[in-house]
Amino acid sequence: MATSVPAHITGTVWKIEVKEGEDVAEGQVLVILESMKMEMPVEAPEAGKVVKILCSETQAVNEGDVLVELG
C-alpha cells in the first residue's frame, strides 16, 4: 500500500533528494522545503521505495500537499 508524504509547511521545493525507484530508509530526507529563508527537510515516515515524485524544484507548495508517494 502506498504512503503519501505531505509537505508539513507552506513553502517552496528547494531540493529533491531522491529519485523514482530509489529505496529509502525511515527518516531519510526526501525533499527540502524553503520557507522564510529556512530549509526544512521532509523525511520518509517509513522505509520503502519511491513510487512517484509529485513535485518539482522551485515549485510552491501548501501544507498538506503530497510531495512523494512511497510503496
N, C-alpha and C. Protein backbone atom coordinates (compact mmCIF):
# COMPACT_ATOMS: atom_id res chain seq x y z
N MET A 1 0.84 -1.18 0.00
CA MET A 1 0.00 0.00 0.00
C MET A 1 0.89 1.24 0.00
N ALA A 2 0.52 2.22 -0.78
CA ALA A 2 1.33 3.43 -0.92
C ALA A 2 1.17 4.34 0.30
N THR A 3 2.25 5.03 0.63
CA THR A 3 2.25 6.01 1.70
C THR A 3 2.49 7.38 1.08
N SER A 4 1.58 8.31 1.34
CA SER A 4 1.74 9.67 0.85
C SER A 4 2.57 10.46 1.84
N VAL A 5 3.54 11.22 1.34
CA VAL A 5 4.38 12.05 2.19
C VAL A 5 4.04 13.51 1.87
N PRO A 6 3.33 14.19 2.79
CA PRO A 6 2.90 15.57 2.53
C PRO A 6 3.91 16.61 3.01
N ALA A 7 3.74 17.82 2.49
CA ALA A 7 4.50 18.96 3.00
C ALA A 7 3.97 19.32 4.38
N HIS A 8 4.84 19.56 5.33
CA HIS A 8 4.40 19.92 6.68
C HIS A 8 4.35 21.43 6.89
N ILE A 9 4.79 22.18 5.87
CA ILE A 9 4.71 23.64 5.90
C ILE A 9 4.41 24.15 4.50
N THR A 10 3.97 25.39 4.41
CA THR A 10 3.82 26.05 3.11
C THR A 10 5.17 26.66 2.75
N GLY A 11 5.62 26.44 1.54
CA GLY A 11 6.91 26.97 1.12
C GLY A 11 7.20 26.63 -0.32
N THR A 12 8.49 26.56 -0.63
CA THR A 12 8.95 26.26 -1.98
C THR A 12 9.83 25.02 -1.93
N VAL A 13 9.68 24.14 -2.93
CA VAL A 13 10.54 22.96 -3.01
C VAL A 13 11.93 23.45 -3.39
N TRP A 14 12.88 23.31 -2.48
CA TRP A 14 14.24 23.79 -2.71
C TRP A 14 15.07 22.71 -3.38
N LYS A 15 14.96 21.47 -2.89
CA LYS A 15 15.76 20.39 -3.47
C LYS A 15 15.05 19.06 -3.27
N ILE A 16 15.07 18.23 -4.31
CA ILE A 16 14.55 16.86 -4.23
C ILE A 16 15.76 15.94 -4.08
N GLU A 17 15.79 15.19 -2.99
CA GLU A 17 16.97 14.39 -2.64
C GLU A 17 16.91 12.95 -3.13
N VAL A 18 15.78 12.53 -3.70
CA VAL A 18 15.62 11.12 -4.12
C VAL A 18 15.13 11.07 -5.56
N LYS A 19 15.19 9.86 -6.13
CA LYS A 19 14.69 9.62 -7.49
C LYS A 19 13.64 8.52 -7.44
N GLU A 20 12.75 8.50 -8.42
CA GLU A 20 11.75 7.44 -8.50
C GLU A 20 12.45 6.09 -8.63
N GLY A 21 11.95 5.10 -7.91
CA GLY A 21 12.52 3.76 -7.93
C GLY A 21 13.58 3.54 -6.86
N GLU A 22 13.99 4.60 -6.17
CA GLU A 22 15.03 4.51 -5.14
C GLU A 22 14.46 3.95 -3.84
N ASP A 23 15.22 3.06 -3.19
CA ASP A 23 14.84 2.57 -1.86
C ASP A 23 15.27 3.60 -0.83
N VAL A 24 14.40 3.88 0.13
CA VAL A 24 14.71 4.84 1.17
C VAL A 24 14.51 4.22 2.55
N ALA A 25 15.24 4.73 3.51
CA ALA A 25 15.13 4.28 4.89
C ALA A 25 14.21 5.21 5.67
N GLU A 26 13.62 4.71 6.73
CA GLU A 26 12.81 5.56 7.61
C GLU A 26 13.68 6.72 8.10
N GLY A 27 13.15 7.93 8.02
CA GLY A 27 13.88 9.11 8.47
C GLY A 27 14.78 9.75 7.42
N GLN A 28 14.93 9.09 6.27
CA GLN A 28 15.77 9.66 5.20
C GLN A 28 15.11 10.90 4.63
N VAL A 29 15.92 11.92 4.34
CA VAL A 29 15.40 13.16 3.76
C VAL A 29 15.00 12.91 2.31
N LEU A 30 13.74 13.24 1.98
CA LEU A 30 13.23 13.06 0.63
C LEU A 30 13.27 14.38 -0.15
N VAL A 31 12.81 15.43 0.50
CA VAL A 31 12.68 16.75 -0.13
C VAL A 31 13.09 17.80 0.90
N ILE A 32 13.67 18.89 0.44
CA ILE A 32 13.95 20.01 1.32
C ILE A 32 13.08 21.18 0.86
N LEU A 33 12.29 21.70 1.80
CA LEU A 33 11.45 22.85 1.53
C LEU A 33 12.12 24.10 2.08
N GLU A 34 11.88 25.23 1.42
CA GLU A 34 12.38 26.51 1.90
C GLU A 34 11.18 27.36 2.26
N SER A 35 11.22 27.90 3.48
CA SER A 35 10.14 28.77 3.92
C SER A 35 10.75 29.85 4.81
N MET A 36 10.50 31.09 4.50
CA MET A 36 11.03 32.22 5.26
C MET A 36 12.54 32.11 5.46
N LYS A 37 13.25 31.76 4.39
CA LYS A 37 14.71 31.64 4.35
C LYS A 37 15.25 30.52 5.25
N MET A 38 14.38 29.58 5.64
CA MET A 38 14.81 28.42 6.41
C MET A 38 14.61 27.16 5.59
N GLU A 39 15.55 26.24 5.67
CA GLU A 39 15.44 24.96 4.97
C GLU A 39 14.83 23.94 5.93
N MET A 40 13.76 23.28 5.48
CA MET A 40 13.04 22.33 6.31
C MET A 40 13.01 20.98 5.60
N PRO A 41 13.67 19.94 6.14
CA PRO A 41 13.66 18.63 5.49
C PRO A 41 12.33 17.92 5.67
N VAL A 42 11.91 17.21 4.62
CA VAL A 42 10.74 16.33 4.69
C VAL A 42 11.30 14.91 4.66
N GLU A 43 11.04 14.15 5.71
CA GLU A 43 11.65 12.82 5.86
C GLU A 43 10.65 11.71 5.59
N ALA A 44 11.17 10.56 5.22
CA ALA A 44 10.34 9.38 4.99
C ALA A 44 9.78 8.89 6.33
N PRO A 45 8.47 8.70 6.44
CA PRO A 45 7.88 8.23 7.70
C PRO A 45 8.16 6.74 7.95
N GLU A 46 8.55 6.04 6.88
CA GLU A 46 8.86 4.61 6.98
C GLU A 46 9.76 4.23 5.81
N ALA A 47 10.39 3.07 5.91
CA ALA A 47 11.23 2.59 4.81
C ALA A 47 10.33 2.17 3.64
N GLY A 48 10.84 2.29 2.44
CA GLY A 48 10.08 1.89 1.26
C GLY A 48 10.80 2.29 -0.01
N LYS A 49 10.05 2.23 -1.10
CA LYS A 49 10.59 2.60 -2.41
C LYS A 49 9.83 3.83 -2.89
N VAL A 50 10.55 4.78 -3.50
CA VAL A 50 9.91 5.97 -4.06
C VAL A 50 9.15 5.54 -5.31
N VAL A 51 7.82 5.61 -5.23
CA VAL A 51 6.97 5.21 -6.35
C VAL A 51 6.78 6.38 -7.31
N LYS A 52 6.53 7.57 -6.76
CA LYS A 52 6.27 8.73 -7.60
C LYS A 52 6.66 10.00 -6.86
N ILE A 53 7.30 10.90 -7.58
CA ILE A 53 7.61 12.24 -7.07
C ILE A 53 6.58 13.19 -7.66
N LEU A 54 5.84 13.86 -6.80
CA LEU A 54 4.71 14.68 -7.23
C LEU A 54 4.99 16.18 -7.14
N CYS A 55 6.27 16.55 -7.07
CA CYS A 55 6.63 17.96 -7.01
C CYS A 55 7.88 18.19 -7.86
N SER A 56 8.22 19.43 -8.07
CA SER A 56 9.45 19.75 -8.80
C SER A 56 10.16 20.89 -8.07
N GLU A 57 11.47 20.98 -8.28
CA GLU A 57 12.24 22.03 -7.63
C GLU A 57 11.74 23.40 -8.08
N THR A 58 11.69 24.33 -7.17
CA THR A 58 11.20 25.71 -7.30
C THR A 58 9.68 25.82 -7.27
N GLN A 59 8.97 24.69 -7.14
CA GLN A 59 7.51 24.70 -7.10
C GLN A 59 7.04 25.17 -5.73
N ALA A 60 6.03 26.04 -5.70
CA ALA A 60 5.41 26.46 -4.44
C ALA A 60 4.43 25.36 -4.01
N VAL A 61 4.46 25.03 -2.72
CA VAL A 61 3.56 24.01 -2.18
C VAL A 61 2.90 24.53 -0.91
N ASN A 62 1.73 23.98 -0.63
CA ASN A 62 0.99 24.32 0.58
C ASN A 62 1.11 23.19 1.58
N GLU A 63 0.94 23.52 2.84
CA GLU A 63 0.92 22.49 3.88
C GLU A 63 -0.13 21.45 3.51
N GLY A 64 0.26 20.16 3.56
CA GLY A 64 -0.66 19.08 3.23
C GLY A 64 -0.56 18.58 1.80
N ASP A 65 0.07 19.35 0.90
CA ASP A 65 0.25 18.88 -0.47
C ASP A 65 1.15 17.64 -0.47
N VAL A 66 0.76 16.62 -1.22
CA VAL A 66 1.56 15.39 -1.28
C VAL A 66 2.77 15.63 -2.18
N LEU A 67 3.96 15.36 -1.66
CA LEU A 67 5.21 15.58 -2.39
C LEU A 67 5.74 14.31 -3.01
N VAL A 68 5.65 13.19 -2.26
CA VAL A 68 6.23 11.92 -2.68
C VAL A 68 5.29 10.78 -2.27
N GLU A 69 5.21 9.76 -3.11
CA GLU A 69 4.48 8.53 -2.78
C GLU A 69 5.51 7.43 -2.57
N LEU A 70 5.42 6.75 -1.44
CA LEU A 70 6.28 5.61 -1.15
C LEU A 70 5.46 4.34 -1.28
N GLY A 71 6.09 3.26 -1.73
CA GLY A 71 5.37 1.99 -1.85
C GLY A 71 6.12 0.90 -1.13
